[in-house]
Protein backbone atom coordinates (compact mmCIF):
# COMPACT_ATOMS: atom_id res chain seq x y z
CA MET A 1 -0.76 -13.88 -10.04
CA ASN A 2 -0.92 -16.39 -7.23
CA ASP A 3 -2.04 -15.96 -3.65
CA ALA A 4 -0.04 -13.83 -1.26
CA PRO A 5 2.81 -15.55 0.52
CA GLU A 6 2.51 -16.37 4.20
CA LEU A 7 3.21 -13.19 6.16
CA ARG A 8 4.50 -12.76 9.71
CA ARG A 9 4.01 -9.43 11.47
CA VAL A 10 6.62 -8.21 13.97
CA THR A 11 5.75 -5.13 16.02
CA THR A 12 8.04 -3.21 18.35
CA ASP A 13 7.57 0.11 20.14
CA GLU A 14 9.09 1.87 17.13
CA SER A 15 7.90 0.01 14.04
CA THR A 16 5.99 -2.82 12.42
CA THR A 17 7.72 -5.16 10.00
CA PHE A 18 6.22 -7.86 7.80
CA HIS A 19 8.18 -10.96 6.83
CA ALA A 20 7.08 -12.97 3.80
CA GLU A 21 8.07 -16.55 3.10
CA ARG A 22 8.67 -17.75 -0.43
CA ASP A 23 8.69 -21.27 -1.79
CA TRP A 24 11.96 -21.21 -3.75
CA LEU A 25 10.99 -24.39 -5.57
CA SER A 26 7.92 -22.67 -7.00
CA ASP A 27 7.73 -21.70 -10.66
CA ASP A 28 6.15 -18.37 -9.67
CA GLU A 29 8.07 -15.21 -10.51
CA LEU A 30 9.75 -13.56 -7.52
CA SER A 31 8.30 -10.21 -8.59
CA ASP A 32 4.78 -11.68 -8.41
CA THR A 33 5.47 -12.85 -4.86
CA ILE A 34 6.66 -9.38 -3.87
CA VAL A 35 3.65 -7.67 -5.45
CA ALA A 36 1.26 -10.12 -3.74
CA ALA A 37 2.91 -9.51 -0.35
CA VAL A 38 2.78 -5.72 -0.69
CA ALA A 39 -0.85 -5.88 -1.82
CA SER A 40 -1.75 -8.08 1.13
CA VAL A 41 -0.08 -5.82 3.69
CA THR A 42 -1.60 -2.64 2.26
CA GLY A 43 -5.05 -4.16 1.64
CA THR A 44 -4.83 -3.21 -2.02
CA ASP A 45 -5.64 -5.18 -5.14
CA PRO A 46 -2.33 -6.07 -6.85
CA THR A 47 -3.49 -4.42 -10.08
CA GLU A 48 -4.12 -1.14 -8.21
CA LEU A 49 -0.58 -0.80 -6.79
CA SER A 50 1.70 1.93 -8.05
CA PRO A 51 4.83 0.72 -9.83
CA LEU A 52 7.38 -0.62 -7.36
CA THR A 53 10.33 0.73 -9.34
CA ARG A 54 11.04 3.83 -11.32
CA TRP A 55 13.20 3.58 -14.38
CA PRO A 56 16.04 6.07 -14.30
CA THR A 57 15.75 8.87 -16.78
CA GLN A 58 18.39 8.77 -19.44
CA THR A 59 20.37 11.85 -20.15
CA PRO A 60 21.82 12.31 -23.63
């Protein structure tokens, strides 16, 4: 996984939002960019993050 994308922090009285920039000409997977950004914001190693999606359970 590559380095985290460049992040911009926007803070208001009510919330803090982070904006990540992606190089769309890059060969990197978009999912890797998202994981790297989340890891950077949370101060967590990317391999220690919980899954970002949950697969729906299938009912017979």
